[in-house]
Amino acid sequence: MTATADAKAITATANAKNKSTAAGANVDVLHQHLLLNLAEAQVKLKQIIALTPAGDANLTALNNLLAELV
């Protein structure tokens, strides 16, 4: 699975919700922020890849990162 697929598969349990609420946080909102950040990372990586010249030493690493997110 990819990072995005793994993140989408997460469902907060009642225990997690109770613990986060007791700590003054909202685990559902944090989860939505995580998904948004992953989507933004995909967009940024695609932009960087589009601007990276073919044969650049970093291109493989950038494509590998993108594959882990998608």
PDB file of N, CA and C in Angstrom:
ATOM      1  N   MET A   1       0.842  -1.193   0.000  1.00  0.00           N
ATOM      2  CA  MET A   1       0.000   0.000   0.000  1.00  0.00           C
ATOM      3  C   MET A   1       0.882   1.249   0.000  1.00  0.00           C
ATOM      4  N   THR A   2       0.273   2.342  -0.354  1.00  0.00           N
ATOM      5  CA  THR A   2       0.984   3.613  -0.359  1.00  0.00           C
ATOM      6  C   THR A   2       0.637   4.402   0.898  1.00  0.00           C
ATOM      7  N   ALA A   3       1.368   5.461   1.134  1.00  0.00           N
ATOM      8  CA  ALA A   3       1.110   6.299   2.310  1.00  0.00           C
ATOM      9  C   ALA A   3      -0.307   6.854   2.269  1.00  0.00           C
ATOM     10  N   THR A   4      -0.748   7.293   1.098  1.00  0.00           N
ATOM     11  CA  THR A   4      -2.095   7.849   0.978  1.00  0.00           C
ATOM     12  C   THR A   4      -3.145   6.776   1.212  1.00  0.00           C
ATOM     13  N   ALA A   5      -2.961   5.613   0.629  1.00  0.00           N
ATOM     14  CA  ALA A   5      -3.917   4.512   0.824  1.00  0.00           C
ATOM     15  C   ALA A   5      -3.961   4.098   2.291  1.00  0.00           C
ATOM     16  N   ASP A   6      -2.807   4.018   2.916  1.00  0.00           N
ATOM     17  CA  ASP A   6      -2.763   3.671   4.337  1.00  0.00           C
ATOM     18  C   ASP A   6      -3.491   4.719   5.174  1.00  0.00           C
ATOM     19  N   ALA A   7      -3.260   5.983   4.861  1.00  0.00           N
ATOM     20  CA  ALA A   7      -3.894   7.067   5.630  1.00  0.00           C
ATOM     21  C   ALA A   7      -5.408   7.046   5.437  1.00  0.00           C
ATOM     22  N   LYS A   8      -5.863   6.769   4.212  1.00  0.00           N
ATOM     23  CA  LYS A   8      -7.300   6.714   3.946  1.00  0.00           C
ATOM     24  C   LYS A   8      -7.964   5.547   4.664  1.00  0.00           C
ATOM     25  N   ALA A   9      -7.213   4.487   4.912  1.00  0.00           N
ATOM     26  CA  ALA A   9      -7.758   3.297   5.561  1.00  0.00           C
ATOM     27  C   ALA A   9      -7.920   3.463   7.070  1.00  0.00           C
ATOM     28  N   ILE A  10      -7.352   4.523   7.612  1.00  0.00           N
ATOM     29  CA  ILE A  10      -7.419   4.738   9.062  1.00  0.00           C
ATOM     30  C   ILE A  10      -8.828   5.158   9.467  1.00  0.00           C
ATOM     31  N   THR A  11      -9.338   4.500  10.474  1.00  0.00           N
ATOM     32  CA  THR A  11     -10.618   4.874  11.073  1.00  0.00           C
ATOM     33  C   THR A  11     -10.387   5.011  12.569  1.00  0.00           C
ATOM     34  N   ALA A  12     -10.643   6.182  13.087  1.00  0.00           N
ATOM     35  CA  ALA A  12     -10.405   6.433  14.508  1.00  0.00           C
ATOM     36  C   ALA A  12     -11.367   5.605  15.355  1.00  0.00           C
ATOM     37  N   THR A  13     -10.810   4.937  16.323  1.00  0.00           N
ATOM     38  CA  THR A  13     -11.628   4.159  17.252  1.00  0.00           C
ATOM     39  C   THR A  13     -12.206   5.087  18.318  1.00  0.00           C
ATOM     40  N   ALA A  14     -13.184   4.590  19.042  1.00  0.00           N
ATOM     41  CA  ALA A  14     -13.771   5.372  20.133  1.00  0.00           C
ATOM     42  C   ALA A  14     -12.707   5.721  21.163  1.00  0.00           C
ATOM     43  N   ASN A  15     -11.802   4.773  21.429  1.00  0.00           N
ATOM     44  CA  ASN A  15     -10.713   5.019  22.385  1.00  0.00           C
ATOM     45  C   ASN A  15      -9.823   6.161  21.926  1.00  0.00           C
ATOM     46  N   ALA A  16      -9.464   6.154  20.639  1.00  0.00           N
ATOM     47  CA  ALA A  16      -8.600   7.202  20.090  1.00  0.00           C
ATOM     48  C   ALA A  16      -9.290   8.560  20.162  1.00  0.00           C
ATOM     49  N   LYS A  17     -10.583   8.572  19.841  1.00  0.00           N
ATOM     50  CA  LYS A  17     -11.336   9.824  19.901  1.00  0.00           C
ATOM     51  C   LYS A  17     -11.419  10.347  21.335  1.00  0.00           C
ATOM     52  N   ASN A  18     -11.674   9.453  22.274  1.00  0.00           N
ATOM     53  CA  ASN A  18     -11.763   9.869  23.679  1.00  0.00           C
ATOM     54  C   ASN A  18     -10.428  10.392  24.192  1.00  0.00           C
ATOM     55  N   LYS A  19      -9.354   9.698  23.857  1.00  0.00           N
ATOM     56  CA  LYS A  19      -8.037  10.125  24.321  1.00  0.00           C
ATOM     57  C   LYS A  19      -7.648  11.465  23.708  1.00  0.00           C
ATOM     58  N   SER A  20      -7.924  11.642  22.414  1.00  0.00           N
ATOM     59  CA  SER A  20      -7.567  12.910  21.776  1.00  0.00           C
ATOM     60  C   SER A  20      -8.405  14.052  22.331  1.00  0.00           C
ATOM     61  N   THR A  21      -9.676  13.798  22.591  1.00  0.00           N
ATOM     62  CA  THR A  21     -10.541  14.825  23.170  1.00  0.00           C
ATOM     63  C   THR A  21     -10.054  15.209  24.558  1.00  0.00           C
ATOM     64  N   ALA A  22      -9.658  14.231  25.340  1.00  0.00           N
ATOM     65  CA  ALA A  22      -9.136  14.505  26.685  1.00  0.00           C
ATOM     66  C   ALA A  22      -7.854  15.328  26.625  1.00  0.00           C
ATOM     67  N   ALA A  23      -7.109  15.186  25.536  1.00  0.00           N
ATOM     68  CA  ALA A  23      -5.864  15.939  25.373  1.00  0.00           C
ATOM     69  C   ALA A  23      -6.102  17.285  24.686  1.00  0.00           C
ATOM     70  N   GLY A  24      -7.363  17.597  24.412  1.00  0.00           N
ATOM     71  CA  GLY A  24      -7.685  18.871  23.785  1.00  0.00           C
ATOM     72  C   GLY A  24      -7.499  18.877  22.278  1.00  0.00           C
ATOM     73  N   ALA A  25      -7.547  17.712  21.667  1.00  0.00           N
ATOM     74  CA  ALA A  25      -7.362  17.602  20.223  1.00  0.00           C
ATOM     75  C   ALA A  25      -8.551  16.873  19.615  1.00  0.00           C
ATOM     76  N   ASN A  26      -8.602  16.858  18.312  1.00  0.00           N
ATOM     77  CA  ASN A  26      -9.647  16.148  17.593  1.00  0.00           C
ATOM     78  C   ASN A  26      -8.965  15.257  16.557  1.00  0.00           C
ATOM     79  N   VAL A  27      -8.969  13.969  16.809  1.00  0.00           N
ATOM     80  CA  VAL A  27      -8.248  13.031  15.948  1.00  0.00           C
ATOM     81  C   VAL A  27      -8.830  13.014  14.530  1.00  0.00           C
ATOM     82  N   ASP A  28     -10.134  13.253  14.382  1.00  0.00           N
ATOM     83  CA  ASP A  28     -10.725  13.279  13.040  1.00  0.00           C
ATOM     84  C   ASP A  28     -10.219  14.470  12.231  1.00  0.00           C
ATOM     85  N   VAL A  29     -10.098  15.620  12.872  1.00  0.00           N
ATOM     86  CA  VAL A  29      -9.572  16.805  12.195  1.00  0.00           C
ATOM     87  C   VAL A  29      -8.103  16.590  11.842  1.00  0.00           C
ATOM     88  N   LEU A  30      -7.343  16.012  12.740  1.00  0.00           N
ATOM     89  CA  LEU A  30      -5.937  15.726  12.461  1.00  0.00           C
ATOM     90  C   LEU A  30      -5.804  14.773  11.277  1.00  0.00           C
ATOM     91  N   HIS A  31      -6.687  13.786  11.198  1.00  0.00           N
ATOM     92  CA  HIS A  31      -6.670  12.838  10.091  1.00  0.00           C
ATOM     93  C   HIS A  31      -6.953  13.556   8.776  1.00  0.00           C
ATOM     94  N   GLN A  32      -7.918  14.461   8.767  1.00  0.00           N
ATOM     95  CA  GLN A  32      -8.221  15.229   7.559  1.00  0.00           C
ATOM     96  C   GLN A  32      -7.032  16.092   7.145  1.00  0.00           C
ATOM     97  N   HIS A  33      -6.337  16.659   8.116  1.00  0.00           N
ATOM     98  CA  HIS A  33      -5.139  17.449   7.818  1.00  0.00           C
ATOM     99  C   HIS A  33      -4.048  16.570   7.219  1.00  0.00           C
ATOM    100  N   LEU A  34      -3.901  15.365   7.733  1.00  0.00           N
ATOM    101  CA  LEU A  34      -2.925  14.424   7.191  1.00  0.00           C
ATOM    102  C   LEU A  34      -3.218  14.136   5.724  1.00  0.00           C
ATOM    103  N   LEU A  35      -4.477  13.844   5.411  1.00  0.00           N
ATOM    104  CA  LEU A  35      -4.852  13.554   4.027  1.00  0.00           C
ATOM    105  C   LEU A  35      -4.602  14.762   3.123  1.00  0.00           C
ATOM    106  N   LEU A  36      -4.902  15.950   3.619  1.00  0.00           N
ATOM    107  CA  LEU A  36      -4.659  17.168   2.849  1.00  0.00           C
ATOM    108  C   LEU A  36      -3.166  17.363   2.597  1.00  0.00           C
ATOM    109  N   ASN A  37      -2.356  17.156   3.620  1.00  0.00           N
ATOM    110  CA  ASN A  37      -0.902  17.307   3.470  1.00  0.00           C
ATOM    111  C   ASN A  37      -0.337  16.304   2.479  1.00  0.00           C
ATOM    112  N   LEU A  38      -0.842  15.084   2.495  1.00  0.00           N
ATOM    113  CA  LEU A  38      -0.381  14.080   1.531  1.00  0.00           C
ATOM    114  C   LEU A  38      -0.756  14.487   0.105  1.00  0.00           C
ATOM    115  N   ALA A  39      -1.968  15.010  -0.082  1.00  0.00           N
ATOM    116  CA  ALA A  39      -2.394  15.461  -1.408  1.00  0.00           C
ATOM    117  C   ALA A  39      -1.534  16.631  -1.873  1.00  0.00           C
ATOM    118  N   GLU A  40      -1.248  17.553  -0.975  1.00  0.00           N
ATOM    119  CA  GLU A  40      -0.398  18.697  -1.331  1.00  0.00           C
ATOM    120  C   GLU A  40       1.017  18.240  -1.680  1.00  0.00           C
ATOM    121  N   ALA A  41       1.528  17.252  -0.958  1.00  0.00           N
ATOM    122  CA  ALA A  41       2.867  16.729  -1.251  1.00  0.00           C
ATOM    123  C   ALA A  41       2.896  16.107  -2.647  1.00  0.00           C
ATOM    124  N   GLN A  42       1.823  15.419  -3.024  1.00  0.00           N
ATOM    125  CA  GLN A  42       1.762  14.840  -4.369  1.00  0.00           C
ATOM    126  C   GLN A  42       1.829  15.927  -5.431  1.00  0.00           C
ATOM    127  N   VAL A  43       1.078  16.994  -5.253  1.00  0.00           N
ATOM    128  CA  VAL A  43       1.068  18.091  -6.220  1.00  0.00           C
ATOM    129  C   VAL A  43       2.451  18.722  -6.326  1.00  0.00           C
ATOM    130  N   LYS A  44       3.075  18.967  -5.184  1.00  0.00           N
ATOM    131  CA  LYS A  44       4.404  19.594  -5.178  1.00  0.00           C
ATOM    132  C   LYS A  44       5.444  18.698  -5.831  1.00  0.00           C
ATOM    133  N   LEU A  45       5.384  17.400  -5.531  1.00  0.00           N
ATOM    134  CA  LEU A  45       6.334  16.476  -6.148  1.00  0.00           C
ATOM    135  C   LEU A  45       6.157  16.427  -7.661  1.00  0.00           C
ATOM    136  N   LYS A  46       4.904  16.422  -8.131  1.00  0.00           N
ATOM    137  CA  LYS A  46       4.655  16.410  -9.572  1.00  0.00           C
ATOM    138  C   LYS A  46       5.222  17.667 -10.223  1.00  0.00           C
ATOM    139  N   GLN A  47       5.103  18.801  -9.544  1.00  0.00           N
ATOM    140  CA  GLN A  47       5.653  20.041 -10.088  1.00  0.00           C
ATOM    141  C   GLN A  47       7.174  19.981 -10.143  1.00  0.00           C
ATOM    142  N   ILE A  48       7.789  19.478  -9.081  1.00  0.00           N
ATOM    143  CA  ILE A  48       9.255  19.368  -9.046  1.00  0.00           C
ATOM    144  C   ILE A  48       9.735  18.411 -10.135  1.00  0.00           C
ATOM    145  N   ILE A  49       9.039  17.281 -10.284  1.00  0.00           N
ATOM    146  CA  ILE A  49       9.417  16.293 -11.299  1.00  0.00           C
ATOM    147  C   ILE A  49       9.310  16.906 -12.697  1.00  0.00           C
ATOM    148  N   ALA A  50       8.249  17.671 -12.933  1.00  0.00           N
ATOM    149  CA  ALA A  50       8.064  18.299 -14.247  1.00  0.00           C
ATOM    150  C   ALA A  50       9.173  19.290 -14.562  1.00  0.00           C
ATOM    151  N   LEU A  51       9.760  19.884 -13.538  1.00  0.00           N
ATOM    152  CA  LEU A  51      10.806  20.883 -13.744  1.00  0.00           C
ATOM    153  C   LEU A  51      12.218  20.296 -13.685  1.00  0.00           C
ATOM    154  N   THR A  52      12.316  19.020 -13.336  1.00  0.00           N
ATOM    155  CA  THR A  52      13.628  18.364 -13.222  1.00  0.00           C
ATOM    156  C   THR A  52      14.033  17.804 -14.578  1.00  0.00           C
ATOM    157  N   PRO A  53      15.217  18.134 -15.045  1.00  0.00           N
ATOM    158  CA  PRO A  53      15.654  17.643 -16.357  1.00  0.00           C
ATOM    159  C   PRO A  53      15.803  16.123 -16.390  1.00  0.00           C
ATOM    160  N   ALA A  54      15.500  15.551 -17.540  1.00  0.00           N
ATOM    161  CA  ALA A  54      15.681  14.104 -17.719  1.00  0.00           C
ATOM    162  C   ALA A  54      17.136  13.759 -17.465  1.00  0.00           C
ATOM    163  N   GLY A  55      17.380  12.657 -16.823  1.00  0.00           N
ATOM    164  CA  GLY A  55      18.739  12.220 -16.536  1.00  0.00           C
ATOM    165  C   GLY A  55      19.310  12.801 -15.257  1.00  0.00           C
ATOM    166  N   ASP A  56      18.558  13.697 -14.605  1.00  0.00           N
ATOM    167  CA  ASP A  56      19.021  14.275 -13.341  1.00  0.00           C
ATOM    168  C   ASP A  56      19.114  13.163 -12.297  1.00  0.00           C
ATOM    169  N   ALA A  57      20.153  13.211 -11.491  1.00  0.00           N
ATOM    170  CA  ALA A  57      20.387  12.172 -10.485  1.00  0.00           C
ATOM    171  C   ALA A  57      19.257  12.087  -9.455  1.00  0.00           C
ATOM    172  N   ASN A  58      18.523  13.170  -9.261  1.00  0.00           N
ATOM    173  CA  ASN A  58      17.460  13.182  -8.254  1.00  0.00           C
ATOM    174  C   ASN A  58      16.119  12.681  -8.782  1.00  0.00           C
ATOM    175  N   LEU A  59      15.999  12.520 -10.073  1.00  0.00           N
ATOM    176  CA  LEU A  59      14.713  12.165 -10.668  1.00  0.00           C
ATOM    177  C   LEU A  59      14.187  10.822 -10.174  1.00  0.00           C
ATOM    178  N   THR A  60      15.055   9.857 -10.034  1.00  0.00           N
ATOM    179  CA  THR A  60      14.633   8.541  -9.550  1.00  0.00           C
ATOM    180  C   THR A  60      14.078   8.642  -8.135  1.00  0.00           C
ATOM    181  N   ALA A  61      14.771   9.358  -7.278  1.00  0.00           N
ATOM    182  CA  ALA A  61      14.311   9.509  -5.896  1.00  0.00           C
ATOM    183  C   ALA A  61      12.978  10.247  -5.847  1.00  0.00           C
ATOM    184  N   LEU A  62      12.823  11.279  -6.655  1.00  0.00           N
ATOM    185  CA  LEU A  62      11.565  12.030  -6.694  1.00  0.00           C
ATOM    186  C   LEU A  62      10.411  11.149  -7.160  1.00  0.00           C
ATOM    187  N   ASN A  63      10.641  10.374  -8.205  1.00  0.00           N
ATOM    188  CA  ASN A  63       9.601   9.461  -8.700  1.00  0.00           C
ATOM    189  C   ASN A  63       9.275   8.382  -7.684  1.00  0.00           C
ATOM    190  N   ASN A  64      10.277   7.904  -6.959  1.00  0.00           N
ATOM    191  CA  ASN A  64      10.034   6.906  -5.916  1.00  0.00           C
ATOM    192  C   ASN A  64       9.184   7.491  -4.789  1.00  0.00           C
ATOM    193  N   LEU A  65       9.480   8.725  -4.399  1.00  0.00           N
ATOM    194  CA  LEU A  65       8.673   9.390  -3.373  1.00  0.00           C
ATOM    195  C   LEU A  65       7.221   9.527  -3.835  1.00  0.00           C
ATOM    196  N   LEU A  66       7.043   9.946  -5.066  1.00  0.00           N
ATOM    197  CA  LEU A  66       5.695  10.118  -5.599  1.00  0.00           C
ATOM    198  C   LEU A  66       4.951   8.778  -5.611  1.00  0.00           C
ATOM    199  N   ALA A  67       5.631   7.721  -5.997  1.00  0.00           N
ATOM    200  CA  ALA A  67       5.004   6.388  -6.029  1.00  0.00           C
ATOM    201  C   ALA A  67       4.568   5.932  -4.639  1.00  0.00           C
ATOM    202  N   GLU A  68       5.313   6.349  -3.614  1.00  0.00           N
ATOM    203  CA  GLU A  68       4.942   5.977  -2.250  1.00  0.00           C
ATOM    204  C   GLU A  68       3.711   6.735  -1.768  1.00  0.00           C
ATOM    205  N   LEU A  69       3.454   7.897  -2.352  1.00  0.00           N
ATOM    206  CA  LEU A  69       2.315   8.699  -1.939  1.00  0.00           C
ATOM    207  C   LEU A  69       1.030   8.349  -2.673  1.00  0.00           C
ATOM    208  N   VAL A  70       1.145   8.064  -3.955  1.00  0.00           N
ATOM    209  CA  VAL A  70      -0.047   7.891  -4.801  1.00  0.00           C
ATOM    210  C   VAL A  70      -0.799   6.633  -4.436  1.00  0.00           C
TER     211      VAL A  70
END
